Protein backbone atom coordinates (compact mmCIF):
# COMPACT_ATOMS: atom_id res chain seq x y z
CA MET A 1 86.12 168.43 215.57
CA PRO A 2 87.98 165.11 216.06
CA ILE A 3 88.17 162.46 213.36
CA THR A 4 86.23 159.43 214.54
CA ILE A 5 85.82 155.79 213.59
CA ARG A 6 82.80 155.47 211.33
CA ASP A 7 83.02 151.77 210.45
CA VAL A 8 85.24 148.68 210.77
CA ARG A 9 85.42 146.08 208.01
CA THR A 10 87.04 142.65 208.21
CA ILE A 11 88.56 141.32 204.97
CA LEU A 12 89.24 137.58 204.75
CA THR A 13 91.38 136.41 201.85
CA GLN A 14 93.76 133.59 200.88
CA PRO A 15 95.96 134.60 197.94
CA ALA A 16 98.66 132.06 198.85
CA GLY A 17 98.74 129.22 201.39
CA SER A 18 97.63 131.03 204.52
CA ARG A 19 94.24 132.50 205.40
CA LEU A 20 94.70 136.22 206.06
CA VAL A 21 92.60 138.58 208.20
CA VAL A 22 92.91 142.29 207.36
CA VAL A 23 91.00 145.02 209.19
CA LYS A 24 89.94 148.26 207.52
CA VAL A 25 89.06 151.12 209.87
CA ILE A 26 87.01 153.77 208.04
CA THR A 27 86.90 157.27 209.49
CA SER A 28 84.54 160.22 209.49
CA GLU A 29 87.01 162.01 207.19
CA PRO A 30 86.05 161.17 203.56
CA GLY A 31 88.62 158.88 201.95
CA LEU A 32 90.65 158.39 205.14
CA TYR A 33 91.04 154.82 206.37
CA GLY A 34 93.67 152.55 207.88
CA LEU A 35 94.63 148.90 207.54
CA GLY A 36 95.70 146.44 210.21
CA CYS A 37 96.66 142.76 210.40
CA ALA A 38 94.57 140.41 212.57
CA THR A 39 95.76 137.16 211.01
CA PHE A 40 95.29 134.03 213.11
CA THR A 41 95.20 131.67 210.17
CA GLN A 42 94.12 128.54 212.10
CA ARG A 43 91.14 130.30 213.77
CA PHE A 44 90.26 133.09 211.36
CA HIS A 45 86.49 132.72 211.82
CA ALA A 46 86.84 133.34 215.56
CA VAL A 47 88.88 136.52 214.99
CA HIS A 48 86.34 137.70 212.42
CA ALA A 49 83.52 137.22 214.93
CA ALA A 50 85.44 138.99 217.70
CA ILE A 51 85.99 142.03 215.48
CA GLU A 52 82.51 142.24 213.99
CA ARG A 53 80.45 141.37 217.07
CA HIS A 54 82.52 142.80 219.92
CA LEU A 55 85.25 145.28 218.92
CA LYS A 56 83.41 147.07 216.15
CA PRO A 57 80.51 148.18 218.39
CA PHE A 58 83.05 149.18 221.02
CA VAL A 59 85.22 151.42 218.80
CA VAL A 60 82.74 153.05 216.39
CA GLY A 61 82.42 156.75 217.19
CA ARG A 62 85.72 157.00 219.06
CA ASP A 63 88.52 159.47 218.31
CA VAL A 64 91.09 157.85 215.99
CA SER A 65 93.96 159.84 217.53
CA ARG A 66 93.69 158.18 220.96
CA ILE A 67 95.54 154.98 220.09
CA GLU A 68 97.03 154.35 223.53
CA GLU A 69 93.72 154.76 225.32
CA LEU A 70 91.85 152.58 222.84
CA PHE A 71 94.42 149.80 223.01
CA ARG A 72 94.43 149.68 226.80
CA MET A 73 90.67 149.86 227.10
CA ALA A 74 90.13 147.22 224.42
CA MET A 75 92.49 144.86 226.26
CA VAL A 76 90.38 144.96 229.43
CA HIS A 77 86.91 145.68 228.06
CA GLY A 78 86.11 141.97 227.79
CA TYR A 79 87.49 141.42 231.32
CA TRP A 80 89.27 138.18 230.25
CA ARG A 81 92.34 139.04 228.19
CA ASN A 82 95.58 138.07 226.49
CA GLY A 83 94.39 135.26 224.25
CA PRO A 84 95.24 134.80 220.56
CA VAL A 85 91.72 135.50 219.24
CA LEU A 86 91.19 138.74 221.14
CA ASN A 87 94.78 139.93 220.75
CA ASN A 88 94.66 139.49 216.98
CA ALA A 89 91.30 141.27 216.79
CA ILE A 90 92.68 144.20 218.80
CA SER A 91 95.81 144.24 216.65
CA GLY A 92 93.73 144.80 213.53
CA ILE A 93 92.29 147.97 215.06
CA ASP A 94 95.59 149.09 216.62
CA MET A 95 97.65 148.82 213.42
CA ALA A 96 94.92 150.55 211.42
CA LEU A 97 94.92 153.48 213.86
CA TRP A 98 98.71 153.86 213.53
CA ASP A 99 98.22 153.77 209.75
CA ILE A 100 95.61 156.54 210.03
CA LYS A 101 97.75 158.63 212.35
CA GLY A 102 100.62 158.48 209.86
CA LYS A 103 98.32 159.51 207.01
CA VAL A 104 96.95 162.45 209.01
CA ALA A 105 100.49 163.54 209.91
CA GLY A 106 101.79 162.96 206.39
CA MET A 107 104.53 160.69 207.79
CA PRO A 108 105.47 157.00 207.67
CA VAL A 109 104.80 155.18 210.93
CA TYR A 110 108.53 154.81 211.62
CA GLN A 111 108.72 158.61 211.84
CA LEU A 112 105.96 158.65 214.45
CA LEU A 113 107.90 156.11 216.49
CA GLY A 114 111.03 158.29 216.49
CA GLY A 115 112.56 158.07 213.03
CA LYS A 116 114.91 155.67 211.31
CA CYS A 117 117.94 154.04 212.85
CA ARG A 118 118.71 152.37 209.48
CA GLU A 119 117.67 152.65 205.84
CA GLY A 120 116.84 148.98 205.35
CA ALA A 121 116.13 145.98 207.58
CA ALA A 122 118.29 142.88 207.11
CA VAL A 123 116.11 139.83 206.46
CA TYR A 124 116.53 136.08 206.52
CA ALA A 125 115.00 133.47 204.25
CA HIS A 126 114.31 129.76 204.81
CA ALA A 127 116.40 127.03 203.17
CA ASP A 128 115.03 123.51 203.59
CA GLY A 129 116.08 120.27 201.94
CA ARG A 130 115.69 116.51 202.00
CA ASP A 131 119.36 116.02 202.88
CA PRO A 132 122.34 118.20 203.84
CA ARG A 133 123.51 118.59 200.23
CA GLU A 134 120.14 119.95 199.12
CA VAL A 135 120.11 122.33 202.09
CA VAL A 136 123.52 123.70 201.02
CA ASP A 137 122.34 124.09 197.41
CA ASN A 138 119.34 126.10 198.61
CA VAL A 139 121.46 128.26 200.90
CA ARG A 140 123.76 129.04 197.98
CA ARG A 141 120.78 130.20 195.92
CA PHE A 142 119.88 132.69 198.65
CA LEU A 143 123.47 133.88 198.95
CA ALA A 144 123.48 134.52 195.20
CA GLN A 145 120.40 136.74 195.68
CA GLY A 146 122.18 138.85 198.30
CA TYR A 147 120.83 137.25 201.49
CA ARG A 148 123.38 137.03 204.30
CA TYR A 149 121.12 135.40 206.92
CA VAL A 150 119.52 132.02 206.16
CA ARG A 151 117.48 129.73 208.37
CA VAL A 152 118.34 126.09 207.68
CA GLN A 153 115.93 123.21 208.22
CA MET A 154 115.89 119.65 206.89
CA GLY A 155 112.60 117.92 206.18
CA GLY A 156 110.51 120.63 207.85
CA TYR A 157 109.92 121.08 211.58
CA GLY A 158 111.00 117.97 213.42
CA GLY A 159 112.43 116.50 210.22
CA LYS A 160 111.25 113.51 208.23
CA SER A 161 112.15 109.91 208.92
CA ASP A 162 112.04 106.83 206.71
CA THR A 163 112.81 104.50 209.62
CA MET A 164 110.03 105.43 212.04
CA VAL A 165 108.17 102.37 213.35
CA ARG A 166 104.58 103.02 214.42
CA PRO A 167 102.23 100.76 216.39
CA ASP A 168 99.60 98.79 214.54
CA GLU A 169 96.54 100.88 213.67
CA ALA A 170 98.34 104.12 214.61
CA PRO A 171 96.09 107.13 213.89
CA ALA A 172 96.87 109.66 211.18
CA GLY A 173 99.03 112.62 212.10
CA ALA A 174 102.23 114.57 211.48
CA TYR A 175 104.70 112.14 213.01
CA TYR A 176 108.30 112.89 213.99
CA ASP A 177 111.00 111.41 216.20
CA PRO A 178 112.53 114.16 218.41
CA ARG A 179 115.82 112.45 219.18
CA GLU A 180 116.40 111.33 215.61
CA TYR A 181 115.57 114.88 214.48
CA ALA A 182 118.24 116.28 216.83
CA ARG A 183 120.89 113.86 215.54
CA ARG A 184 120.08 114.56 211.89
CA ILE A 185 120.09 118.34 212.32
CA LEU A 186 123.46 118.28 214.07
CA GLY A 187 124.85 116.37 211.09
CA MET A 188 123.26 118.82 208.68
CA LEU A 189 124.69 121.86 210.46
CA GLU A 190 128.15 120.30 210.48
CA TYR A 191 127.92 119.68 206.72
CA VAL A 192 126.62 123.19 205.97
CA ARG A 193 129.42 124.85 207.94
CA ALA A 194 132.03 122.62 206.30
CA GLU A 195 130.72 123.55 202.84
CA LEU A 196 130.03 127.25 203.37
CA GLY A 197 132.34 128.23 206.20
CA ASP A 198 131.50 131.40 208.09
CA SER A 199 130.34 133.31 205.00
CA VAL A 200 126.68 133.10 206.03
CA GLU A 201 124.80 133.71 209.27
CA LEU A 202 122.88 130.50 210.00
CA LEU A 203 119.67 130.20 212.02
CA HIS A 204 117.63 127.16 212.99
CA ASP A 205 114.08 126.72 214.32
CA VAL A 206 113.53 123.84 216.76
CA HIS A 207 109.81 124.73 216.84
CA GLU A 208 109.51 123.39 220.42
CA ARG A 209 109.97 119.81 219.13
CA LEU A 210 112.30 118.64 221.92
CA GLN A 211 111.79 117.67 225.55
CA PRO A 212 113.41 120.27 227.84
CA ILE A 213 116.42 118.16 228.87
CA ASP A 214 117.05 117.24 225.22
CA ALA A 215 116.71 120.91 224.32
CA VAL A 216 119.49 121.76 226.79
CA GLN A 217 121.74 119.14 225.19
CA PHE A 218 120.87 120.34 221.67
CA ALA A 219 121.66 123.98 222.49
CA LYS A 220 125.05 122.85 223.87
CA SER A 221 125.75 120.69 220.83
CA VAL A 222 125.09 123.45 218.26
CA GLU A 223 127.19 126.02 220.13
CA HIS A 224 130.34 125.44 218.07
CA PHE A 225 128.46 125.96 214.78
CA GLY A 226 128.15 129.66 215.62
CA LEU A 227 124.44 130.13 214.88
CA PHE A 228 123.10 133.67 214.66
CA PHE A 229 120.27 132.32 216.79
CA LEU A 230 118.46 129.14 217.74
CA GLU A 231 114.71 129.68 217.63
CA ASP A 232 111.93 128.29 219.85
CA ILE A 233 114.20 125.80 221.61
CA LEU A 234 111.46 125.46 224.27
CA ALA A 235 107.68 125.66 224.38
CA PRO A 236 105.97 128.50 226.32
CA GLU A 237 105.03 125.93 228.95
CA ASP A 238 108.71 125.22 229.67
CA LEU A 239 110.12 128.71 230.16
CA ASP A 240 111.83 127.86 233.47
CA TRP A 241 114.27 125.69 231.50
CA PHE A 242 115.83 128.74 229.80
CA ALA A 243 117.91 129.27 232.93
CA ARG A 244 119.28 125.73 232.57
CA ILE A 245 120.27 126.38 228.96
CA ARG A 246 122.01 129.65 229.89
CA GLU A 247 124.02 127.81 232.52
CA GLN A 248 125.29 125.31 229.95
CA CYS A 249 126.12 127.29 226.78
CA CYS A 250 126.17 130.65 225.01
CA THR A 251 124.11 129.71 221.95
CA PRO A 252 122.03 132.83 221.07
CA LEU A 253 118.33 132.17 221.68
CA ALA A 254 115.25 133.66 220.01
CA MET A 255 111.81 133.15 221.54
CA GLY A 256 108.27 134.46 221.47
CA GLU A 257 106.33 133.32 218.39
CA LEU A 258 103.56 131.76 220.50
CA PHE A 259 103.48 134.39 223.25
CA ASN A 260 100.21 136.17 224.11
CA ASN A 261 100.72 137.48 227.61
CA PRO A 262 103.33 140.01 228.80
CA ARG A 263 104.17 137.68 231.68
CA GLU A 264 105.57 135.26 229.11
CA TRP A 265 108.19 137.61 227.69
CA GLN A 266 108.87 139.97 230.60
CA PRO A 267 110.72 137.50 232.88
CA LEU A 268 112.87 136.25 230.00
CA VAL A 269 113.90 139.79 229.09
CA VAL A 270 114.55 140.96 232.65
CA ALA A 271 116.68 137.89 233.42
CA ARG A 272 118.46 138.15 230.04
CA LEU A 273 117.63 134.52 229.31
CA ILE A 274 117.06 135.13 225.60
CA ASP A 275 118.83 137.25 222.99
CA PHE A 276 116.00 138.06 220.55
CA VAL A 277 112.29 138.78 221.11
CA ARG A 278 110.38 137.22 218.29
CA MET A 279 106.70 137.69 218.84
CA HIS A 280 103.98 137.55 216.19
CA ILE A 281 102.95 141.20 216.40
CA SER A 282 99.25 140.67 215.78
CA GLN A 283 99.26 137.83 218.34
CA MET A 284 100.49 140.24 221.04
CA GLY A 285 97.99 142.96 220.13
CA GLY A 286 99.60 145.19 217.50
CA ILE A 287 102.16 147.97 217.10
CA THR A 288 101.45 149.55 220.50
CA PRO A 289 102.60 146.58 222.63
CA ALA A 290 105.41 145.78 220.17
CA ARG A 291 106.73 149.31 220.62
CA ASP A 292 106.68 148.86 224.39
CA VAL A 293 108.45 145.49 224.20
CA THR A 294 111.11 146.92 221.88
CA LEU A 295 112.00 149.65 224.36
CA MET A 296 111.94 147.26 227.29
CA ALA A 297 114.19 144.76 225.48
CA ASN A 298 116.55 147.54 224.48
CA ALA A 299 117.11 148.43 228.13
CA PHE A 300 118.35 144.85 228.71
CA GLY A 301 120.48 144.56 225.56
CA ILE A 302 118.07 142.22 223.76
CA ARG A 303 117.30 142.57 220.04
CA THR A 304 114.14 142.20 217.94
CA ALA A 305 113.45 139.52 215.32
CA TRP A 306 109.68 139.68 214.74
CA HIS A 307 107.80 136.66 213.39
CA GLY A 308 107.38 137.06 209.62
CA PRO A 309 106.10 133.91 207.86
CA GLY A 310 103.38 133.63 205.20
CA ASP A 311 100.68 133.65 207.88
CA VAL A 312 101.50 137.26 208.67
CA SER A 313 99.60 139.37 206.14
CA PRO A 314 101.47 141.94 203.99
CA VAL A 315 99.98 144.58 206.30
CA GLY A 316 101.59 142.81 209.25
CA HIS A 317 104.90 142.65 207.38
CA ALA A 318 104.67 146.39 206.78
CA ALA A 319 104.14 146.92 210.52
CA ASN A 320 107.16 144.69 211.25
CA LEU A 321 109.26 146.77 208.86
CA HIS A 322 108.35 150.14 210.38
CA LEU A 323 109.33 148.81 213.81
CA ASP A 324 112.55 147.38 212.32
CA LEU A 325 113.59 150.67 210.74
CA TRP A 326 113.02 152.56 214.00
CA ALA A 327 114.17 150.11 216.70
CA PRO A 328 117.63 150.90 218.13
CA ASN A 329 117.92 147.21 219.05
CA PHE A 330 116.82 145.65 215.75
CA GLY A 331 118.41 142.27 215.02
CA VAL A 332 117.02 140.63 211.89
CA GLN A 333 113.62 140.18 210.21
CA GLU A 334 112.07 136.93 208.99
CA TRP A 335 110.84 137.19 205.40
CA CYS A 336 108.53 134.76 203.58
CA ARG A 337 108.98 135.95 199.95
CA PHE A 338 105.39 136.48 198.75
CA PRO A 339 104.31 135.52 195.20
CA GLU A 340 103.45 138.24 192.66
CA LEU A 341 99.70 137.87 193.28
CA VAL A 342 100.17 139.17 196.82
CA TYR A 343 102.02 142.25 195.57
CA GLU A 344 99.14 142.90 193.17
CA MET A 345 96.54 142.45 195.92
CA PHE A 346 98.48 144.52 198.47
CA PRO A 347 100.13 147.49 196.71
CA GLY A 348 103.01 148.72 198.85
CA THR A 349 103.99 145.28 200.18
CA PRO A 350 107.61 145.65 201.38
CA GLN A 351 110.33 145.05 198.81
CA VAL A 352 113.56 143.15 199.47
CA ARG A 353 116.75 143.95 197.57
CA ASN A 354 120.17 142.45 198.22
CA GLY A 355 119.11 141.08 201.60
CA TYR A 356 117.49 144.27 202.91
CA MET A 357 113.80 145.15 203.24
CA TYR A 358 112.75 148.69 202.35
CA ALA A 359 109.65 150.73 203.18
CA SER A 360 107.71 152.65 200.53
CA ASP A 361 108.01 155.91 202.56
CA GLN A 362 104.34 156.69 201.93
CA PRO A 363 102.36 158.09 204.91
CA GLY A 364 101.17 155.55 207.45
CA LEU A 365 102.13 151.94 206.86
CA GLY A 366 102.46 152.62 203.15
CA ILE A 367 100.32 149.66 202.08
CA ASP A 368 96.84 149.24 200.60
CA ILE A 369 94.54 146.40 199.55
CA ASP A 370 92.62 145.70 196.34
CA GLU A 371 89.39 144.47 197.92
CA ASP A 372 87.89 143.28 194.64
CA LEU A 373 90.93 141.11 193.97
CA ALA A 374 90.97 139.90 197.59
CA ALA A 375 87.34 138.81 197.26
CA ARG A 376 88.30 136.56 194.33
CA TYR A 377 90.46 134.49 196.70
CA PRO A 378 88.20 133.55 199.63
CA CYS A 379 89.51 131.63 202.63
CA SER A 380 89.10 127.87 202.55
CA ASP A 381 87.80 125.85 205.49
CA GLU A 382 89.99 122.89 206.37
CA VAL A 383 91.19 120.92 209.36
CA GLU A 384 94.92 121.62 209.78
CA GLN A 385 97.14 118.56 209.41
CA TRP A 386 100.61 119.86 210.33
CA THR A 387 99.50 120.79 213.85
CA GLN A 388 98.26 117.24 214.53
CA THR A 389 101.73 116.21 215.64
CA ARG A 390 102.59 112.85 217.17
CA LEU A 391 105.56 110.90 218.49
CA PRO A 392 106.44 107.58 216.80
CA ASP A 393 104.14 105.64 219.16
CA GLY A 394 101.23 107.98 218.33
CA THR A 395 101.35 110.18 221.45
CA PRO A 396 99.95 113.68 220.69
CA VAL A 397 102.57 116.40 221.22
CA ARG A 398 102.97 120.14 220.66
CA PRO A 399 103.52 121.26 217.05
């Protein structure tokens, strides 16, 4: 008699800054359930509705062991596909089924994927600052904690400017000046390298804040700083420009945070136009497609560096980690450093020691949720400000 899906529950909680969506798949086997991440923090109500009103009726009663079939059918069952709401909803189910399969087998998910290639996954943290000196001070704090990879920013994405002149009656928004940002970051990177030398692997996230031709120039200009990678140098709408960057420099490139559709990452991998795939695993649909991308990227000599900020739930971070421990082509893992409340709410949240992330080695994803505690921190409704980005003259642009 197969174990089947008896119920699907969607848990919305906000223990820190980001609104999290966690899916609990309950089975016909008493006490057996799995957890998955479906976090799309800016549109969490839409994901909740997609799970409760569409996916839940579709999956209840189905065999929990048939992960591949369920994933592929769920992707096409709505006919229209590959959007962030549906992909995240499907991811919640997909991750939970991998969690269940590991529990039934008595194995961590990384064992189901093929076993470990490493005992711990190297992680990177984020060092920001108001000026280059403060950035260096923050990098040094991470180095003292054992981190060897640090992403350096200055004034957040796109930087901050005290000299920006706006038109009269300019609307509210998150303003930045792309060309000034590029000049300031080049100065910051030069200062950081002069102060720290080559003792640390540096990363930087452009966050698609530059026009394509300026992005080509920026990638050329940072080449001699020896970055571990330059992230999101282009927006998904400008993928053809990756070939221009490759022609001009050998700065390592990481891309994929905003990707939904396989046709976004497949051409970049096949043409070897990037060096790291960096998708948000719930955004692409879960562990099943991430496994497929890992193997595809490996065939072309491209490494993984999954998206891992605070708007990936601890369940999503656990899924990242299991893929990291298994993947033969693992590169580095982003890590957001959760507060203690999150560890209390999500027992089994991955631990980081001396710059490496370790799994709990419990069956499945090795993570649980205290639903009573989660309910004490409901999600807030607000209109996001940081994604209302504008150029100095007020023109709306991509965040």
